[in-house]
Amino acid sequence: MSIQSLLETMDQLQEAHETLLGLAQEKTQVLVRNDVDQLNMIVNKENKWVRTITEANQQRVQLIGSYLISRGYNPNPKITVSDLVKVIFKAEDKQALSEAQQKLLATIKELKDCNEINQQLIEQSLAFINYSLDLVIGAPEDDMVYRNPHQNKSGNRIGMFDTRA
């Protein structure tokens, strides 16, 4: 078995991760603009690409197993591309696979960094929403030892608006 089919699968993984990276960068701008509809569209696209990555990754594991069997090794689904590079004898195959792996790892790192920024933006947005709600509705008064039973029958929060009016 040739290593070419594994390289093609690695290229598919690279393309899918690059697409996810583009969507993550687009998501950053959407989060800043607070465009919820566009955010939902991006999340749906991301889910499709994640499924594609999952399928390509399963194919990669199968191809590595097939290659190992063809070389007389026992297949192991936990064998990584790095492990496979160690058992390949042809220098050009070894180099091509190493380059594909390094390129994919760099894209994955960039995607991870972008997703961390997006996560921080979402957390800041949620904190702002909670702060705004506390200003409008009022902060919960959990530290009260005694509460007059005739006051605030509507709930735990005392707000700016008199609901009895």
N, C-alpha and C. Protein backbone atom coordinates (compact mmCIF):
# COMPACT_ATOMS: atom_id res chain seq x y z
N MET A 1 0.83 -1.18 0.00
CA MET A 1 0.00 0.00 0.00
C MET A 1 0.87 1.24 0.00
N SER A 2 0.46 2.20 -0.79
CA SER A 2 1.18 3.47 -0.90
C SER A 2 0.71 4.43 0.19
N ILE A 3 1.52 5.37 0.50
CA ILE A 3 1.19 6.39 1.50
C ILE A 3 0.36 7.51 0.89
N GLN A 4 0.16 7.48 -0.44
CA GLN A 4 -0.53 8.55 -1.15
C GLN A 4 -1.97 8.76 -0.67
N SER A 5 -2.70 7.68 -0.42
CA SER A 5 -4.09 7.83 0.04
C SER A 5 -4.14 8.48 1.43
N LEU A 6 -3.16 8.19 2.26
CA LEU A 6 -3.08 8.84 3.57
C LEU A 6 -2.79 10.33 3.42
N LEU A 7 -1.92 10.66 2.48
CA LEU A 7 -1.62 12.08 2.23
C LEU A 7 -2.86 12.82 1.72
N GLU A 8 -3.66 12.16 0.90
CA GLU A 8 -4.89 12.78 0.41
C GLU A 8 -5.87 13.02 1.56
N THR A 9 -5.96 12.08 2.48
CA THR A 9 -6.82 12.25 3.65
C THR A 9 -6.30 13.38 4.53
N MET A 10 -4.99 13.46 4.67
CA MET A 10 -4.40 14.56 5.44
C MET A 10 -4.72 15.91 4.79
N ASP A 11 -4.71 15.95 3.45
CA ASP A 11 -5.08 17.17 2.73
C ASP A 11 -6.55 17.53 2.98
N GLN A 12 -7.42 16.51 3.03
CA GLN A 12 -8.83 16.76 3.33
C GLN A 12 -8.98 17.32 4.74
N LEU A 13 -8.24 16.76 5.68
CA LEU A 13 -8.27 17.28 7.05
C LEU A 13 -7.77 18.72 7.10
N GLN A 14 -6.71 19.00 6.36
CA GLN A 14 -6.15 20.35 6.31
C GLN A 14 -7.18 21.33 5.76
N GLU A 15 -7.82 20.97 4.66
CA GLU A 15 -8.83 21.84 4.04
C GLU A 15 -10.00 22.09 4.99
N ALA A 16 -10.45 21.05 5.66
CA ALA A 16 -11.57 21.20 6.59
C ALA A 16 -11.19 22.10 7.78
N HIS A 17 -10.00 21.93 8.29
CA HIS A 17 -9.56 22.78 9.41
C HIS A 17 -9.35 24.23 8.97
N GLU A 18 -8.87 24.43 7.76
CA GLU A 18 -8.73 25.80 7.25
C GLU A 18 -10.10 26.47 7.11
N THR A 19 -11.09 25.70 6.66
CA THR A 19 -12.44 26.23 6.55
C THR A 19 -12.99 26.58 7.93
N LEU A 20 -12.77 25.69 8.90
CA LEU A 20 -13.19 25.98 10.27
C LEU A 20 -12.50 27.22 10.83
N LEU A 21 -11.24 27.39 10.49
CA LEU A 21 -10.49 28.57 10.93
C LEU A 21 -11.12 29.83 10.35
N GLY A 22 -11.47 29.79 9.07
CA GLY A 22 -12.14 30.94 8.45
C GLY A 22 -13.47 31.24 9.12
N LEU A 23 -14.22 30.20 9.44
CA LEU A 23 -15.50 30.40 10.13
C LEU A 23 -15.29 30.96 11.53
N ALA A 24 -14.25 30.51 12.22
CA ALA A 24 -13.96 31.01 13.56
C ALA A 24 -13.58 32.49 13.51
N GLN A 25 -12.82 32.88 12.49
CA GLN A 25 -12.46 34.29 12.35
C GLN A 25 -13.68 35.13 12.01
N GLU A 26 -14.55 34.59 11.19
CA GLU A 26 -15.79 35.27 10.86
C GLU A 26 -16.68 35.38 12.10
N LYS A 27 -16.66 34.34 12.92
CA LYS A 27 -17.46 34.32 14.15
C LYS A 27 -17.01 35.43 15.10
N THR A 28 -15.71 35.69 15.14
CA THR A 28 -15.19 36.75 16.00
C THR A 28 -15.84 38.08 15.64
N GLN A 29 -15.88 38.39 14.35
CA GLN A 29 -16.50 39.65 13.91
C GLN A 29 -17.99 39.67 14.22
N VAL A 30 -18.66 38.53 14.04
CA VAL A 30 -20.10 38.44 14.31
C VAL A 30 -20.37 38.64 15.80
N LEU A 31 -19.52 38.08 16.65
CA LEU A 31 -19.69 38.26 18.09
C LEU A 31 -19.50 39.73 18.49
N VAL A 32 -18.56 40.39 17.87
CA VAL A 32 -18.33 41.80 18.16
C VAL A 32 -19.54 42.64 17.73
N ARG A 33 -20.13 42.29 16.59
CA ARG A 33 -21.31 43.01 16.08
C ARG A 33 -22.60 42.58 16.78
N ASN A 34 -22.55 41.49 17.53
CA ASN A 34 -23.71 40.95 18.23
C ASN A 34 -24.82 40.55 17.26
N ASP A 35 -24.45 39.91 16.18
CA ASP A 35 -25.40 39.46 15.16
C ASP A 35 -25.74 37.99 15.41
N VAL A 36 -26.82 37.76 16.14
CA VAL A 36 -27.18 36.41 16.58
C VAL A 36 -27.57 35.52 15.40
N ASP A 37 -28.30 36.06 14.43
CA ASP A 37 -28.72 35.26 13.28
C ASP A 37 -27.52 34.75 12.49
N GLN A 38 -26.57 35.63 12.24
CA GLN A 38 -25.35 35.23 11.52
C GLN A 38 -24.55 34.23 12.35
N LEU A 39 -24.54 34.40 13.66
CA LEU A 39 -23.84 33.47 14.54
C LEU A 39 -24.44 32.07 14.44
N ASN A 40 -25.76 31.98 14.40
CA ASN A 40 -26.41 30.67 14.25
C ASN A 40 -26.04 30.01 12.92
N MET A 41 -25.96 30.79 11.86
CA MET A 41 -25.58 30.24 10.56
C MET A 41 -24.16 29.70 10.59
N ILE A 42 -23.26 30.44 11.23
CA ILE A 42 -21.87 30.00 11.32
C ILE A 42 -21.76 28.72 12.15
N VAL A 43 -22.49 28.64 13.24
CA VAL A 43 -22.45 27.44 14.09
C VAL A 43 -22.95 26.22 13.31
N ASN A 44 -23.99 26.40 12.51
CA ASN A 44 -24.49 25.28 11.68
C ASN A 44 -23.43 24.84 10.67
N LYS A 45 -22.76 25.80 10.04
CA LYS A 45 -21.70 25.45 9.10
C LYS A 45 -20.56 24.72 9.82
N GLU A 46 -20.22 25.19 11.01
CA GLU A 46 -19.15 24.55 11.78
C GLU A 46 -19.50 23.10 12.10
N ASN A 47 -20.74 22.87 12.47
CA ASN A 47 -21.16 21.50 12.79
C ASN A 47 -20.99 20.57 11.59
N LYS A 48 -21.31 21.06 10.38
CA LYS A 48 -21.13 20.24 9.18
C LYS A 48 -19.65 19.92 8.96
N TRP A 49 -18.78 20.91 9.15
CA TRP A 49 -17.36 20.68 8.94
C TRP A 49 -16.78 19.77 10.02
N VAL A 50 -17.30 19.85 11.23
CA VAL A 50 -16.83 18.95 12.29
C VAL A 50 -17.18 17.51 11.95
N ARG A 51 -18.36 17.28 11.38
CA ARG A 51 -18.71 15.92 10.94
C ARG A 51 -17.76 15.46 9.84
N THR A 52 -17.43 16.36 8.91
CA THR A 52 -16.49 16.02 7.84
C THR A 52 -15.13 15.64 8.41
N ILE A 53 -14.69 16.40 9.40
CA ILE A 53 -13.40 16.11 10.04
C ILE A 53 -13.44 14.76 10.75
N THR A 54 -14.53 14.48 11.41
CA THR A 54 -14.67 13.20 12.11
C THR A 54 -14.56 12.03 11.13
N GLU A 55 -15.25 12.15 9.99
CA GLU A 55 -15.20 11.10 8.98
C GLU A 55 -13.80 10.95 8.40
N ALA A 56 -13.14 12.08 8.09
CA ALA A 56 -11.79 12.03 7.53
C ALA A 56 -10.81 11.45 8.55
N ASN A 57 -11.02 11.76 9.81
CA ASN A 57 -10.13 11.23 10.84
C ASN A 57 -10.30 9.72 10.98
N GLN A 58 -11.53 9.24 10.87
CA GLN A 58 -11.76 7.79 10.90
C GLN A 58 -11.09 7.12 9.69
N GLN A 59 -11.18 7.78 8.56
CA GLN A 59 -10.53 7.25 7.36
C GLN A 59 -9.01 7.22 7.55
N ARG A 60 -8.47 8.25 8.19
CA ARG A 60 -7.03 8.32 8.45
C ARG A 60 -6.60 7.14 9.32
N VAL A 61 -7.39 6.83 10.36
CA VAL A 61 -7.07 5.71 11.25
C VAL A 61 -7.10 4.40 10.47
N GLN A 62 -8.10 4.24 9.60
CA GLN A 62 -8.20 3.02 8.80
C GLN A 62 -7.02 2.89 7.84
N LEU A 63 -6.64 3.98 7.23
CA LEU A 63 -5.51 3.94 6.28
C LEU A 63 -4.21 3.63 6.99
N ILE A 64 -4.03 4.19 8.17
CA ILE A 64 -2.82 3.88 8.93
C ILE A 64 -2.81 2.40 9.31
N GLY A 65 -3.97 1.89 9.72
CA GLY A 65 -4.06 0.46 10.05
C GLY A 65 -3.75 -0.41 8.84
N SER A 66 -4.29 -0.05 7.67
CA SER A 66 -4.03 -0.81 6.45
C SER A 66 -2.55 -0.77 6.08
N TYR A 67 -1.94 0.40 6.23
CA TYR A 67 -0.52 0.53 5.91
C TYR A 67 0.32 -0.35 6.85
N LEU A 68 -0.02 -0.33 8.14
CA LEU A 68 0.73 -1.14 9.10
C LEU A 68 0.59 -2.63 8.80
N ILE A 69 -0.63 -3.05 8.44
CA ILE A 69 -0.84 -4.47 8.08
C ILE A 69 -0.02 -4.84 6.86
N SER A 70 0.02 -3.94 5.86
CA SER A 70 0.77 -4.23 4.64
C SER A 70 2.28 -4.33 4.90
N ARG A 71 2.74 -3.71 5.98
CA ARG A 71 4.16 -3.76 6.33
C ARG A 71 4.46 -4.83 7.39
N GLY A 72 3.43 -5.58 7.79
CA GLY A 72 3.66 -6.67 8.73
C GLY A 72 3.54 -6.28 10.19
N TYR A 73 3.03 -5.09 10.48
CA TYR A 73 2.83 -4.65 11.87
C TYR A 73 1.40 -4.93 12.29
N ASN A 74 1.19 -4.99 13.58
CA ASN A 74 -0.17 -5.12 14.11
C ASN A 74 -0.85 -3.74 14.08
N PRO A 75 -2.07 -3.67 13.54
CA PRO A 75 -2.74 -2.37 13.51
C PRO A 75 -3.18 -1.95 14.92
N ASN A 76 -3.06 -0.66 15.18
CA ASN A 76 -3.45 -0.11 16.47
C ASN A 76 -4.11 1.24 16.20
N PRO A 77 -5.38 1.42 16.60
CA PRO A 77 -6.06 2.68 16.30
C PRO A 77 -5.47 3.88 17.02
N LYS A 78 -4.60 3.63 18.00
CA LYS A 78 -4.00 4.74 18.73
C LYS A 78 -2.68 5.21 18.11
N ILE A 79 -2.27 4.60 17.03
CA ILE A 79 -1.02 4.99 16.35
C ILE A 79 -1.26 6.35 15.69
N THR A 80 -0.38 7.28 15.95
CA THR A 80 -0.48 8.61 15.38
C THR A 80 0.34 8.70 14.10
N VAL A 81 0.20 9.82 13.43
CA VAL A 81 0.99 10.04 12.23
C VAL A 81 2.47 10.11 12.59
N SER A 82 2.78 10.69 13.73
CA SER A 82 4.18 10.74 14.18
C SER A 82 4.76 9.34 14.36
N ASP A 83 3.95 8.45 14.92
CA ASP A 83 4.40 7.07 15.09
C ASP A 83 4.61 6.40 13.74
N LEU A 84 3.70 6.68 12.81
CA LEU A 84 3.80 6.08 11.49
C LEU A 84 5.05 6.55 10.75
N VAL A 85 5.38 7.82 10.91
CA VAL A 85 6.57 8.38 10.24
C VAL A 85 7.82 7.61 10.66
N LYS A 86 7.83 7.14 11.89
CA LYS A 86 9.00 6.42 12.41
C LYS A 86 9.20 5.07 11.74
N VAL A 87 8.11 4.47 11.21
CA VAL A 87 8.25 3.14 10.61
C VAL A 87 8.30 3.18 9.08
N ILE A 88 8.18 4.36 8.49
CA ILE A 88 8.26 4.49 7.03
C ILE A 88 9.73 4.55 6.64
N PHE A 89 10.07 3.81 5.58
CA PHE A 89 11.47 3.73 5.16
C PHE A 89 11.80 4.69 4.03
N LYS A 90 10.85 4.97 3.15
CA LYS A 90 11.13 5.86 2.01
C LYS A 90 11.20 7.30 2.50
N ALA A 91 12.32 7.95 2.20
CA ALA A 91 12.56 9.30 2.70
C ALA A 91 11.54 10.30 2.18
N GLU A 92 11.16 10.19 0.89
CA GLU A 92 10.20 11.15 0.33
C GLU A 92 8.81 10.99 0.94
N ASP A 93 8.40 9.75 1.24
CA ASP A 93 7.12 9.51 1.90
C ASP A 93 7.15 10.05 3.33
N LYS A 94 8.27 9.79 3.99
CA LYS A 94 8.44 10.26 5.36
C LYS A 94 8.38 11.79 5.43
N GLN A 95 9.05 12.44 4.48
CA GLN A 95 9.08 13.90 4.47
C GLN A 95 7.71 14.47 4.12
N ALA A 96 7.04 13.91 3.13
CA ALA A 96 5.72 14.40 2.72
C ALA A 96 4.71 14.27 3.86
N LEU A 97 4.74 13.16 4.55
CA LEU A 97 3.82 12.94 5.65
C LEU A 97 4.14 13.87 6.82
N SER A 98 5.41 14.07 7.10
CA SER A 98 5.81 14.98 8.18
C SER A 98 5.38 16.41 7.87
N GLU A 99 5.55 16.83 6.63
CA GLU A 99 5.14 18.19 6.25
C GLU A 99 3.63 18.37 6.35
N ALA A 100 2.88 17.37 5.90
CA ALA A 100 1.42 17.43 5.99
C ALA A 100 0.99 17.50 7.45
N GLN A 101 1.65 16.74 8.30
CA GLN A 101 1.32 16.74 9.72
C GLN A 101 1.63 18.11 10.35
N GLN A 102 2.79 18.66 10.05
CA GLN A 102 3.17 19.96 10.62
C GLN A 102 2.23 21.07 10.17
N LYS A 103 1.85 21.03 8.91
CA LYS A 103 0.92 22.03 8.38
C LYS A 103 -0.44 21.92 9.08
N LEU A 104 -0.92 20.70 9.27
CA LEU A 104 -2.19 20.48 9.93
C LEU A 104 -2.13 20.91 11.40
N LEU A 105 -1.04 20.58 12.08
CA LEU A 105 -0.89 20.97 13.48
C LEU A 105 -0.86 22.49 13.64
N ALA A 106 -0.21 23.19 12.71
CA ALA A 106 -0.16 24.65 12.77
C ALA A 106 -1.56 25.24 12.59
N THR A 107 -2.33 24.69 11.66
CA THR A 107 -3.70 25.17 11.43
C THR A 107 -4.57 24.90 12.65
N ILE A 108 -4.41 23.73 13.25
CA ILE A 108 -5.20 23.38 14.44
C ILE A 108 -4.85 24.32 15.60
N LYS A 109 -3.58 24.66 15.76
CA LYS A 109 -3.18 25.59 16.83
C LYS A 109 -3.80 26.96 16.60
N GLU A 110 -3.76 27.43 15.36
CA GLU A 110 -4.35 28.73 15.04
C GLU A 110 -5.86 28.71 15.28
N LEU A 111 -6.51 27.62 14.93
CA LEU A 111 -7.94 27.47 15.17
C LEU A 111 -8.24 27.47 16.66
N LYS A 112 -7.43 26.79 17.44
CA LYS A 112 -7.61 26.75 18.89
C LYS A 112 -7.49 28.15 19.48
N ASP A 113 -6.49 28.91 19.05
CA ASP A 113 -6.29 30.27 19.54
C ASP A 113 -7.49 31.16 19.21
N CYS A 114 -7.99 31.04 18.00
CA CYS A 114 -9.13 31.84 17.57
C CYS A 114 -10.38 31.45 18.37
N ASN A 115 -10.56 30.17 18.63
CA ASN A 115 -11.71 29.72 19.42
C ASN A 115 -11.62 30.19 20.87
N GLU A 116 -10.41 30.29 21.41
CA GLU A 116 -10.25 30.81 22.77
C GLU A 116 -10.67 32.28 22.83
N ILE A 117 -10.33 33.05 21.82
CA ILE A 117 -10.75 34.45 21.76
C ILE A 117 -12.27 34.53 21.68
N ASN A 118 -12.87 33.70 20.84
CA ASN A 118 -14.33 33.70 20.72
C ASN A 118 -14.99 33.32 22.04
N GLN A 119 -14.41 32.37 22.75
CA GLN A 119 -14.96 31.96 24.04
C GLN A 119 -14.90 33.13 25.03
N GLN A 120 -13.80 33.86 25.02
CA GLN A 120 -13.69 35.02 25.91
C GLN A 120 -14.72 36.09 25.55
N LEU A 121 -14.94 36.31 24.26
CA LEU A 121 -15.95 37.28 23.84
C LEU A 121 -17.34 36.87 24.31
N ILE A 122 -17.66 35.60 24.21
CA ILE A 122 -18.97 35.11 24.65
C ILE A 122 -19.10 35.26 26.16
N GLU A 123 -18.06 34.92 26.91
CA GLU A 123 -18.11 35.05 28.36
C GLU A 123 -18.28 36.51 28.78
N GLN A 124 -17.60 37.44 28.09
CA GLN A 124 -17.75 38.85 28.39
C GLN A 124 -19.16 39.34 28.06
N SER A 125 -19.69 38.84 26.97
CA SER A 125 -21.05 39.22 26.59
C SER A 125 -22.06 38.73 27.63
N LEU A 126 -21.90 37.50 28.10
CA LEU A 126 -22.80 36.97 29.12
C LEU A 126 -22.66 37.74 30.43
N ALA A 127 -21.45 38.11 30.79
CA ALA A 127 -21.24 38.89 32.01
C ALA A 127 -21.92 40.25 31.90
N PHE A 128 -21.84 40.86 30.72
CA PHE A 128 -22.49 42.15 30.51
C PHE A 128 -24.01 42.01 30.59
N ILE A 129 -24.55 40.93 30.02
CA ILE A 129 -25.99 40.70 30.08
C ILE A 129 -26.43 40.52 31.53
N ASN A 130 -25.70 39.74 32.30
CA ASN A 130 -26.04 39.54 33.71
C ASN A 130 -25.96 40.85 34.49
N TYR A 131 -24.95 41.65 34.21
CA TYR A 131 -24.80 42.95 34.87
C TYR A 131 -25.98 43.86 34.52
N SER A 132 -26.36 43.87 33.25
CA SER A 132 -27.48 44.70 32.81
C SER A 132 -28.78 44.26 33.47
N LEU A 133 -28.98 42.96 33.56
CA LEU A 133 -30.18 42.44 34.23
C LEU A 133 -30.20 42.83 35.71
N ASP A 134 -29.06 42.75 36.35
CA ASP A 134 -29.00 43.14 37.76
C ASP A 134 -29.31 44.61 37.94
N LEU A 135 -28.90 45.45 37.00
CA LEU A 135 -29.21 46.88 37.09
C LEU A 135 -30.70 47.13 36.93
N VAL A 136 -31.33 46.45 36.02
CA VAL A 136 -32.74 46.68 35.74
C VAL A 136 -33.62 46.01 36.79
N ILE A 137 -33.36 44.75 37.10
CA ILE A 137 -34.21 43.99 38.00
C ILE A 137 -33.78 44.16 39.45
N GLY A 138 -32.54 44.30 39.68
CA GLY A 138 -32.01 44.43 41.02
C GLY A 138 -31.20 43.20 41.38
N ALA A 139 -30.18 43.40 42.18
CA ALA A 139 -29.32 42.30 42.59
C ALA A 139 -30.03 41.45 43.62
N PRO A 140 -29.80 40.16 43.64
CA PRO A 140 -30.42 39.31 44.66
C PRO A 140 -29.88 39.68 46.04
N GLU A 141 -30.77 39.64 47.01
CA GLU A 141 -30.37 39.98 48.37
C GLU A 141 -30.29 38.71 49.20
N ASP A 142 -29.25 37.95 48.97
CA ASP A 142 -29.08 36.69 49.67
C ASP A 142 -28.51 36.87 51.08
N ASP A 143 -27.94 38.04 51.35
CA ASP A 143 -27.27 38.24 52.62
C ASP A 143 -28.20 38.74 53.72
N MET A 144 -29.49 38.84 53.42
CA MET A 144 -30.42 39.29 54.45
C MET A 144 -30.66 38.16 55.44
N VAL A 145 -30.61 38.49 56.72
CA VAL A 145 -30.87 37.49 57.74
C VAL A 145 -32.37 37.41 57.99
N TYR A 146 -32.99 38.57 58.04
CA TYR A 146 -34.43 38.62 58.30
C TYR A 146 -35.11 39.35 57.16
N ARG A 147 -36.21 38.81 56.72
CA ARG A 147 -36.97 39.46 55.66
C ARG A 147 -38.41 39.58 56.16
N ASN A 148 -38.95 40.78 56.05
CA ASN A 148 -40.34 41.00 56.43
C ASN A 148 -41.22 40.23 55.45
N PRO A 149 -42.09 39.37 55.92
CA PRO A 149 -42.90 38.55 55.02
C PRO A 149 -43.87 39.35 54.16
N HIS A 150 -44.14 40.62 54.53
CA HIS A 150 -45.07 41.44 53.75
C HIS A 150 -44.37 42.21 52.64
N GLN A 151 -43.05 42.17 52.61
CA GLN A 151 -42.30 42.86 51.57
C GLN A 151 -41.87 41.88 50.49
N ASN A 152 -41.88 42.33 49.25
CA ASN A 152 -41.31 41.60 48.13
C ASN A 152 -41.85 40.18 48.00
N LYS A 153 -43.13 40.06 47.84
CA LYS A 153 -43.75 38.75 47.65
C LYS A 153 -43.53 38.23 46.23
N SER A 154 -43.03 39.07 45.34
CA SER A 154 -42.91 38.68 43.93
C SER A 154 -41.69 37.82 43.64
N GLY A 155 -40.69 37.79 44.48
CA GLY A 155 -39.51 36.97 44.18
C GLY A 155 -38.32 37.38 45.00
N ASN A 156 -37.17 36.96 44.57
CA ASN A 156 -35.94 37.22 45.30
C ASN A 156 -35.31 38.56 44.97
N ARG A 157 -35.69 39.16 43.90
CA ARG A 157 -35.02 40.39 43.46
C ARG A 157 -35.91 41.61 43.73
N ILE A 158 -35.30 42.66 44.16
CA ILE A 158 -35.98 43.93 44.35
C ILE A 158 -35.48 44.84 43.24
N GLY A 159 -36.36 45.29 42.39
CA GLY A 159 -35.94 46.06 41.22
C GLY A 159 -36.36 47.51 41.28
N MET A 160 -36.05 48.22 40.22
CA MET A 160 -36.40 49.62 40.09
C MET A 160 -37.87 49.81 39.80
N PHE A 161 -38.52 48.82 39.24
CA PHE A 161 -39.90 48.94 38.82
C PHE A 161 -40.83 48.42 39.92
N ASP A 162 -41.86 49.20 40.23
CA ASP A 162 -42.84 48.78 41.21
C ASP A 162 -43.92 47.99 40.48
N THR A 163 -43.92 46.69 40.65
CA THR A 163 -44.85 45.83 39.92
C THR A 163 -46.26 45.91 40.50
N ARG A 164 -46.41 46.49 41.69
CA ARG A 164 -47.72 46.59 42.30
C ARG A 164 -48.49 47.81 41.79
N ALA A 165 -47.84 48.68 41.09
CA ALA A 165 -48.49 49.92 40.65
C ALA A 165 -49.48 49.69 39.55
